[in-house]
PDB file of N, CA and C in Angstrom:
ATOM      1  N   MET A   1    -108.975  10.273 178.808  1.00  0.00           N
ATOM      2  CA  MET A   1    -109.119  10.043 177.429  1.00  0.00           C
ATOM      3  C   MET A   1    -108.624   8.731 176.925  1.00  0.00           C
ATOM      4  N   SER A   2    -109.361   8.075 176.143  1.00  0.00           N
ATOM      5  CA  SER A   2    -108.946   6.818 175.645  1.00  0.00           C
ATOM      6  C   SER A   2    -107.913   6.881 174.549  1.00  0.00           C
ATOM      7  N   TYR A   3    -107.871   7.990 173.904  1.00  0.00           N
ATOM      8  CA  TYR A   3    -106.881   8.140 172.693  1.00  0.00           C
ATOM      9  C   TYR A   3    -105.545   8.686 173.077  1.00  0.00           C
ATOM     10  N   ASP A   4    -105.303   8.892 174.297  1.00  0.00           N
ATOM     11  CA  ASP A   4    -104.043   9.516 174.760  1.00  0.00           C
ATOM     12  C   ASP A   4    -102.830   8.775 174.233  1.00  0.00           C
ATOM     13  N   LYS A   5    -102.746   7.452 174.587  1.00  0.00           N
ATOM     14  CA  LYS A   5    -101.584   6.644 174.253  1.00  0.00           C
ATOM     15  C   LYS A   5    -101.566   6.513 172.663  1.00  0.00           C
ATOM     16  N   GLY A   6    -102.699   6.247 172.089  1.00  0.00           N
ATOM     17  CA  GLY A   6    -102.629   5.963 170.605  1.00  0.00           C
ATOM     18  C   GLY A   6    -102.202   7.188 169.788  1.00  0.00           C
ATOM     19  N   LEU A   7    -102.469   8.317 170.172  1.00  0.00           N
ATOM     20  CA  LEU A   7    -101.970   9.535 169.423  1.00  0.00           C
ATOM     21  C   LEU A   7    -100.486   9.718 169.618  1.00  0.00           C
ATOM     22  N   GLN A   8     -99.953   9.428 170.764  1.00  0.00           N
ATOM     23  CA  GLN A   8     -98.531   9.531 170.953  1.00  0.00           C
ATOM     24  C   GLN A   8     -97.727   8.479 170.210  1.00  0.00           C
ATOM     25  N   ASP A   9     -98.339   7.348 170.076  1.00  0.00           N
ATOM     26  CA  ASP A   9     -97.634   6.173 169.312  1.00  0.00           C
ATOM     27  C   ASP A   9     -97.829   6.247 167.820  1.00  0.00           C
ATOM     28  N   ALA A  10     -98.926   6.814 167.365  1.00  0.00           N
ATOM     29  CA  ALA A  10     -99.225   6.855 165.899  1.00  0.00           C
ATOM     30  C   ALA A  10     -98.440   8.008 165.229  1.00  0.00           C
ATOM     31  N   HIS A  11     -98.376   7.961 163.868  1.00  0.00           N
ATOM     32  CA  HIS A  11     -97.763   9.035 163.166  1.00  0.00           C
ATOM     33  C   HIS A  11     -98.856  10.055 162.923  1.00  0.00           C
ATOM     34  N   VAL A  12     -98.654  11.253 163.556  1.00  0.00           N
ATOM     35  CA  VAL A  12     -99.691  12.255 163.629  1.00  0.00           C
ATOM     36  C   VAL A  12     -99.207  13.552 163.085  1.00  0.00           C
ATOM     37  N   LYS A  13    -100.088  14.205 162.355  1.00  0.00           N
ATOM     38  CA  LYS A  13     -99.834  15.586 161.818  1.00  0.00           C
ATOM     39  C   LYS A  13    -100.674  16.486 162.761  1.00  0.00           C
ATOM     40  N   ILE A  14    -100.068  17.487 163.311  1.00  0.00           N
ATOM     41  CA  ILE A  14    -100.792  18.334 164.229  1.00  0.00           C
ATOM     42  C   ILE A  14    -100.995  19.780 163.654  1.00  0.00           C
ATOM     43  N   GLY A  15    -102.063  20.314 163.782  1.00  0.00           N
ATOM     44  CA  GLY A  15    -102.323  21.698 163.321  1.00  0.00           C
ATOM     45  C   GLY A  15    -103.317  21.725 162.152  1.00  0.00           C
ATOM     46  N   THR A  16    -103.821  22.882 161.877  1.00  0.00           N
ATOM     47  CA  THR A  16    -104.883  23.055 160.899  1.00  0.00           C
ATOM     48  C   THR A  16    -104.297  22.774 159.497  1.00  0.00           C
ATOM     49  N   LYS A  17    -103.263  23.499 159.176  1.00  0.00           N
ATOM     50  CA  LYS A  17    -102.723  23.343 157.774  1.00  0.00           C
ATOM     51  C   LYS A  17    -102.243  21.985 157.475  1.00  0.00           C
ATOM     52  N   GLN A  18    -101.500  21.341 158.318  1.00  0.00           N
ATOM     53  CA  GLN A  18    -101.024  19.965 158.043  1.00  0.00           C
ATOM     54  C   GLN A  18    -102.179  18.989 158.079  1.00  0.00           C
ATOM     55  N   THR A  19    -103.197  19.108 158.979  1.00  0.00           N
ATOM     56  CA  THR A  19    -104.253  18.198 158.980  1.00  0.00           C
ATOM     57  C   THR A  19    -105.066  18.344 157.671  1.00  0.00           C
ATOM     58  N   MET A  20    -105.390  19.570 157.179  1.00  0.00           N
ATOM     59  CA  MET A  20    -106.186  19.704 156.006  1.00  0.00           C
ATOM     60  C   MET A  20    -105.398  19.160 154.774  1.00  0.00           C
ATOM     61  N   ARG A  21    -104.061  19.388 154.733  1.00  0.00           N
ATOM     62  CA  ARG A  21    -103.348  18.837 153.643  1.00  0.00           C
ATOM     63  C   ARG A  21    -103.316  17.307 153.566  1.00  0.00           C
ATOM     64  N   ILE A  22    -103.226  16.700 154.793  1.00  0.00           N
ATOM     65  CA  ILE A  22    -103.183  15.232 154.816  1.00  0.00           C
ATOM     66  C   ILE A  22    -104.542  14.665 154.386  1.00  0.00           C
ATOM     67  N   VAL A  23    -105.637  15.289 154.764  1.00  0.00           N
ATOM     68  CA  VAL A  23    -106.922  14.890 154.411  1.00  0.00           C
ATOM     69  C   VAL A  23    -107.121  15.029 152.851  1.00  0.00           C
ATOM     70  N   GLU A  24    -106.734  16.181 152.368  1.00  0.00           N
ATOM     71  CA  GLU A  24    -106.844  16.427 150.866  1.00  0.00           C
ATOM     72  C   GLU A  24    -106.001  15.424 150.074  1.00  0.00           C
ATOM     73  N   LEU A  25    -104.892  14.962 150.578  1.00  0.00           N
ATOM     74  CA  LEU A  25    -104.035  13.999 149.882  1.00  0.00           C
ATOM     75  C   LEU A  25    -104.581  12.597 149.977  1.00  0.00           C
ATOM     76  N   GLY A  26    -105.629  12.374 150.839  1.00  0.00           N
ATOM     77  CA  GLY A  26    -106.202  11.085 151.054  1.00  0.00           C
ATOM     78  C   GLY A  26    -105.304  10.166 151.898  1.00  0.00           C
ATOM     79  N   ARG A  27    -104.502  10.795 152.751  1.00  0.00           N
ATOM     80  CA  ARG A  27    -103.615  10.074 153.585  1.00  0.00           C
ATOM     81  C   ARG A  27    -104.053   9.903 155.078  1.00  0.00           C
ATOM     82  N   ALA A  28    -105.161  10.564 155.388  1.00  0.00           N
ATOM     83  CA  ALA A  28    -105.638  10.634 156.801  1.00  0.00           C
ATOM     84  C   ALA A  28    -106.461   9.383 157.082  1.00  0.00           C
ATOM     85  N   GLU A  29    -106.207   8.758 158.249  1.00  0.00           N
ATOM     86  CA  GLU A  29    -106.990   7.580 158.713  1.00  0.00           C
ATOM     87  C   GLU A  29    -108.125   8.104 159.618  1.00  0.00           C
ATOM     88  N   GLU A  30    -107.788   9.045 160.471  1.00  0.00           N
ATOM     89  CA  GLU A  30    -108.696   9.669 161.396  1.00  0.00           C
ATOM     90  C   GLU A  30    -108.310  11.077 161.785  1.00  0.00           C
ATOM     91  N   VAL A  31    -109.283  11.917 161.996  1.00  0.00           N
ATOM     92  CA  VAL A  31    -108.979  13.307 162.345  1.00  0.00           C
ATOM     93  C   VAL A  31    -109.619  13.572 163.678  1.00  0.00           C
ATOM     94  N   TYR A  32    -108.884  14.259 164.612  1.00  0.00           N
ATOM     95  CA  TYR A  32    -109.374  14.695 165.871  1.00  0.00           C
ATOM     96  C   TYR A  32    -109.509  16.228 165.818  1.00  0.00           C
ATOM     97  N   VAL A  33    -110.679  16.656 166.281  1.00  0.00           N
ATOM     98  CA  VAL A  33    -110.934  18.124 166.238  1.00  0.00           C
ATOM     99  C   VAL A  33    -111.374  18.523 167.688  1.00  0.00           C
ATOM    100  N   ALA A  34    -110.755  19.604 168.136  1.00  0.00           N
ATOM    101  CA  ALA A  34    -111.129  20.210 169.424  1.00  0.00           C
ATOM    102  C   ALA A  34    -112.491  20.916 169.321  1.00  0.00           C
ATOM    103  N   GLU A  35    -113.315  20.660 170.231  1.00  0.00           N
ATOM    104  CA  GLU A  35    -114.681  21.272 170.204  1.00  0.00           C
ATOM    105  C   GLU A  35    -114.542  22.820 170.482  1.00  0.00           C
ATOM    106  N   ASP A  36    -113.470  23.248 171.165  1.00  0.00           N
ATOM    107  CA  ASP A  36    -113.408  24.745 171.436  1.00  0.00           C
ATOM    108  C   ASP A  36    -112.503  25.415 170.354  1.00  0.00           C
ATOM    109  N   ALA A  37    -112.214  24.708 169.230  1.00  0.00           N
ATOM    110  CA  ALA A  37    -111.520  25.380 168.130  1.00  0.00           C
ATOM    111  C   ALA A  37    -112.408  26.384 167.388  1.00  0.00           C
ATOM    112  N   ASP A  38    -111.874  27.241 166.629  1.00  0.00           N
ATOM    113  CA  ASP A  38    -112.601  28.213 165.863  1.00  0.00           C
ATOM    114  C   ASP A  38    -113.684  27.478 165.031  1.00  0.00           C
ATOM    115  N   PRO A  39    -114.912  27.935 165.146  1.00  0.00           N
ATOM    116  CA  PRO A  39    -116.058  27.285 164.502  1.00  0.00           C
ATOM    117  C   PRO A  39    -115.930  27.192 162.961  1.00  0.00           C
ATOM    118  N   ARG A  40    -115.349  28.210 162.383  1.00  0.00           N
ATOM    119  CA  ARG A  40    -115.081  28.197 160.901  1.00  0.00           C
ATOM    120  C   ARG A  40    -114.097  27.049 160.519  1.00  0.00           C
ATOM    121  N   LEU A  41    -113.030  26.915 161.273  1.00  0.00           N
ATOM    122  CA  LEU A  41    -112.094  25.826 161.100  1.00  0.00           C
ATOM    123  C   LEU A  41    -112.724  24.493 161.287  1.00  0.00           C
ATOM    124  N   LYS A  42    -113.547  24.373 162.303  1.00  0.00           N
ATOM    125  CA  LYS A  42    -114.211  23.030 162.637  1.00  0.00           C
ATOM    126  C   LYS A  42    -115.055  22.674 161.507  1.00  0.00           C
ATOM    127  N   SER A  43    -115.885  23.594 161.002  1.00  0.00           N
ATOM    128  CA  SER A  43    -116.917  23.237 160.017  1.00  0.00           C
ATOM    129  C   SER A  43    -116.161  22.870 158.708  1.00  0.00           C
ATOM    130  N   LYS A  44    -115.066  23.618 158.434  1.00  0.00           N
ATOM    131  CA  LYS A  44    -114.238  23.429 157.200  1.00  0.00           C
ATOM    132  C   LYS A  44    -113.641  21.995 157.165  1.00  0.00           C
ATOM    133  N   ILE A  45    -112.970  21.649 158.341  1.00  0.00           N
ATOM    134  CA  ILE A  45    -112.319  20.259 158.366  1.00  0.00           C
ATOM    135  C   ILE A  45    -113.384  19.129 158.447  1.00  0.00           C
ATOM    136  N   ILE A  46    -114.515  19.362 159.107  1.00  0.00           N
ATOM    137  CA  ILE A  46    -115.444  18.261 159.110  1.00  0.00           C
ATOM    138  C   ILE A  46    -116.071  18.024 157.736  1.00  0.00           C
ATOM    139  N   ALA A  47    -116.380  19.131 157.014  1.00  0.00           N
ATOM    140  CA  ALA A  47    -116.815  18.995 155.680  1.00  0.00           C
ATOM    141  C   ALA A  47    -115.870  18.289 154.726  1.00  0.00           C
ATOM    142  N   LEU A  48    -114.608  18.604 154.925  1.00  0.00           N
ATOM    143  CA  LEU A  48    -113.476  17.992 154.117  1.00  0.00           C
ATOM    144  C   LEU A  48    -113.383  16.548 154.434  1.00  0.00           C
ATOM    145  N   CYS A  49    -113.481  16.184 155.725  1.00  0.00           N
ATOM    146  CA  CYS A  49    -113.359  14.814 156.126  1.00  0.00           C
ATOM    147  C   CYS A  49    -114.591  14.018 155.557  1.00  0.00           C
ATOM    148  N   ASN A  50    -115.833  14.651 155.575  1.00  0.00           N
ATOM    149  CA  ASN A  50    -116.959  13.933 155.023  1.00  0.00           C
ATOM    150  C   ASN A  50    -116.824  13.683 153.501  1.00  0.00           C
ATOM    151  N   GLN A  51    -116.183  14.649 152.768  1.00  0.00           N
ATOM    152  CA  GLN A  51    -115.928  14.493 151.334  1.00  0.00           C
ATOM    153  C   GLN A  51    -114.982  13.339 151.172  1.00  0.00           C
ATOM    154  N   HIS A  52    -114.001  13.100 151.963  1.00  0.00           N
ATOM    155  CA  HIS A  52    -112.946  12.146 151.780  1.00  0.00           C
ATOM    156  C   HIS A  52    -113.254  10.851 152.672  1.00  0.00           C
ATOM    157  N   ALA A  53    -114.396  10.755 153.254  1.00  0.00           N
ATOM    158  CA  ALA A  53    -114.760   9.619 154.026  1.00  0.00           C
ATOM    159  C   ALA A  53    -113.771   9.345 155.179  1.00  0.00           C
ATOM    160  N   VAL A  54    -113.416  10.331 155.864  1.00  0.00           N
ATOM    161  CA  VAL A  54    -112.414  10.203 156.966  1.00  0.00           C
ATOM    162  C   VAL A  54    -113.212  10.383 158.295  1.00  0.00           C
ATOM    163  N   LYS A  55    -112.896   9.443 159.235  1.00  0.00           N
ATOM    164  CA  LYS A  55    -113.623   9.487 160.560  1.00  0.00           C
ATOM    165  C   LYS A  55    -113.138  10.762 161.299  1.00  0.00           C
ATOM    166  N   VAL A  56    -114.086  11.404 161.928  1.00  0.00           N
ATOM    167  CA  VAL A  56    -113.816  12.642 162.728  1.00  0.00           C
ATOM    168  C   VAL A  56    -114.112  12.306 164.178  1.00  0.00           C
ATOM    169  N   THR A  57    -113.295  12.539 165.084  1.00  0.00           N
ATOM    170  CA  THR A  57    -113.579  12.394 166.565  1.00  0.00           C
ATOM    171  C   THR A  57    -113.379  13.784 167.147  1.00  0.00           C
ATOM    172  N   LEU A  58    -114.335  14.126 167.941  1.00  0.00           N
ATOM    173  CA  LEU A  58    -114.355  15.455 168.687  1.00  0.00           C
ATOM    174  C   LEU A  58    -113.702  15.172 169.967  1.00  0.00           C
ATOM    175  N   VAL A  59    -112.786  16.152 170.393  1.00  0.00           N
ATOM    176  CA  VAL A  59    -112.157  16.208 171.611  1.00  0.00           C
ATOM    177  C   VAL A  59    -112.667  17.465 172.402  1.00  0.00           C
ATOM    178  N   ASP A  60    -112.790  17.377 173.703  1.00  0.00           N
ATOM    179  CA  ASP A  60    -113.378  18.451 174.505  1.00  0.00           C
ATOM    180  C   ASP A  60    -112.666  19.809 174.398  1.00  0.00           C
ATOM    181  N   THR A  61    -111.349  19.773 174.435  1.00  0.00           N
ATOM    182  CA  THR A  61    -110.637  21.092 174.474  1.00  0.00           C
ATOM    183  C   THR A  61    -109.292  20.934 173.634  1.00  0.00           C
ATOM    184  N   MET A  62    -108.857  22.095 173.182  1.00  0.00           N
ATOM    185  CA  MET A  62    -107.679  22.181 172.383  1.00  0.00           C
ATOM    186  C   MET A  62    -106.486  21.723 173.287  1.00  0.00           C
ATOM    187  N   HIS A  63    -106.536  22.112 174.567  1.00  0.00           N
ATOM    188  CA  HIS A  63    -105.462  21.772 175.486  1.00  0.00           C
ATOM    189  C   HIS A  63    -105.335  20.273 175.625  1.00  0.00           C
ATOM    190  N   ASN A  64    -106.491  19.571 175.797  1.00  0.00           N
ATOM    191  CA  ASN A  64    -106.541  18.102 175.954  1.00  0.00           C
ATOM    192  C   ASN A  64    -106.022  17.417 174.696  1.00  0.00           C
ATOM    193  N   LEU A  65    -106.338  17.984 173.532  1.00  0.00           N
ATOM    194  CA  LEU A  65    -105.850  17.437 172.254  1.00  0.00           C
ATOM    195  C   LEU A  65    -104.400  17.550 172.102  1.00  0.00           C
ATOM    196  N   GLY A  66    -103.861  18.712 172.435  1.00  0.00           N
ATOM    197  CA  GLY A  66    -102.425  18.902 172.408  1.00  0.00           C
ATOM    198  C   GLY A  66    -101.726  17.973 173.344  1.00  0.00           C
ATOM    199  N   LYS A  67    -102.263  17.825 174.558  1.00  0.00           N
ATOM    200  CA  LYS A  67    -101.656  16.885 175.496  1.00  0.00           C
ATOM    201  C   LYS A  67    -101.666  15.465 175.011  1.00  0.00           C
ATOM    202  N   ALA A  68    -102.799  15.076 174.364  1.00  0.00           N
ATOM    203  CA  ALA A  68    -102.879  13.729 173.777  1.00  0.00           C
ATOM    204  C   ALA A  68    -101.884  13.483 172.725  1.00  0.00           C
ATOM    205  N   CYS A  69    -101.489  14.495 172.030  1.00  0.00           N
ATOM    206  CA  CYS A  69    -100.577  14.460 170.892  1.00  0.00           C
ATOM    207  C   CYS A  69     -99.070  14.514 171.451  1.00  0.00           C
ATOM    208  N   GLY A  70     -98.973  14.795 172.705  1.00  0.00           N
ATOM    209  CA  GLY A  70     -97.610  14.892 173.305  1.00  0.00           C
ATOM    210  C   GLY A  70     -96.909  16.195 173.155  1.00  0.00           C
ATOM    211  N   ILE A  71     -97.731  17.252 172.978  1.00  0.00           N
ATOM    212  CA  ILE A  71     -97.195  18.572 172.894  1.00  0.00           C
ATOM    213  C   ILE A  71     -97.653  19.427 174.100  1.00  0.00           C
ATOM    214  N   GLU A  72     -96.985  20.457 174.362  1.00  0.00           N
ATOM    215  CA  GLU A  72     -97.258  21.288 175.556  1.00  0.00           C
ATOM    216  C   GLU A  72     -98.191  22.432 175.328  1.00  0.00           C
ATOM    217  N   VAL A  73     -98.667  22.595 174.101  1.00  0.00           N
ATOM    218  CA  VAL A  73     -99.594  23.672 173.785  1.00  0.00           C
ATOM    219  C   VAL A  73    -100.858  22.973 173.197  1.00  0.00           C
ATOM    220  N   GLY A  74    -101.954  23.818 173.096  1.00  0.00           N
ATOM    221  CA  GLY A  74    -103.181  23.326 172.560  1.00  0.00           C
ATOM    222  C   GLY A  74    -103.016  23.057 171.042  1.00  0.00           C
ATOM    223  N   ALA A  75    -104.004  22.181 170.515  1.00  0.00           N
ATOM    224  CA  ALA A  75    -104.062  21.934 169.148  1.00  0.00           C
ATOM    225  C   ALA A  75    -105.482  21.927 168.685  1.00  0.00           C
ATOM    226  N   ALA A  76    -105.835  22.676 167.575  1.00  0.00           N
ATOM    227  CA  ALA A  76    -107.244  22.689 167.095  1.00  0.00           C
ATOM    228  C   ALA A  76    -107.635  21.373 166.452  1.00  0.00           C
ATOM    229  N   MET A  77    -106.630  20.735 165.788  1.00  0.00           N
ATOM    230  CA  MET A  77    -106.993  19.449 165.122  1.00  0.00           C
ATOM    231  C   MET A  77    -105.662  18.691 164.832  1.00  0.00           C
ATOM    232  N   ALA A  78    -105.796  17.401 164.712  1.00  0.00           N
ATOM    233  CA  ALA A  78    -104.704  16.528 164.370  1.00  0.00           C
ATOM    234  C   ALA A  78    -105.208  15.348 163.558  1.00  0.00           C
ATOM    235  N   ALA A  79    -104.357  14.861 162.677  1.00  0.00           N
ATOM    236  CA  ALA A  79    -104.739  13.768 161.749  1.00  0.00           C
ATOM    237  C   ALA A  79    -103.756  12.624 161.994  1.00  0.00           C
ATOM    238  N   VAL A  80    -104.367  11.366 162.108  1.00  0.00           N
ATOM    239  CA  VAL A  80    -103.518  10.183 162.087  1.00  0.00           C
ATOM    240  C   VAL A  80    -103.244   9.763 160.720  1.00  0.00           C
ATOM    241  N   VAL A  81    -102.062   9.692 160.302  1.00  0.00           N
ATOM    242  CA  VAL A  81    -101.671   9.351 158.951  1.00  0.00           C
ATOM    243  C   VAL A  81    -101.707   7.847 158.740  1.00  0.00           C
ATOM    244  N   LYS A  82    -102.210   7.459 157.593  1.00  0.00           N
ATOM    245  CA  LYS A  82    -102.262   6.051 157.228  1.00  0.00           C
ATOM    246  C   LYS A  82    -100.888   5.431 157.087  1.00  0.00           C
ATOM    247  N   PRO A  83    -100.708   4.215 157.632  1.00  0.00           N
ATOM    248  CA  PRO A  83     -99.381   3.620 157.436  1.00  0.00           C
ATOM    249  C   PRO A  83     -99.041   3.264 156.070  1.00  0.00           C
TER     250      PRO A  83
END
């Protein structure tokens, strides 16, 4: 994955609630969404990102997204916070 190092170095909010809050506040630079996350959550965050003009990047699995964020468990989504 090309984003492994970038997510660990960037200021990232991990998880559904935190990611949605950051997008709603207009503080998200980019959002990563796991393709195997709950379809309802995926569609909700993608629609929210489209409303706020935030770039969405799909990641193959929740496990890989969690690993890219530097945590030992899977993550459905994560947001890179604007500096």
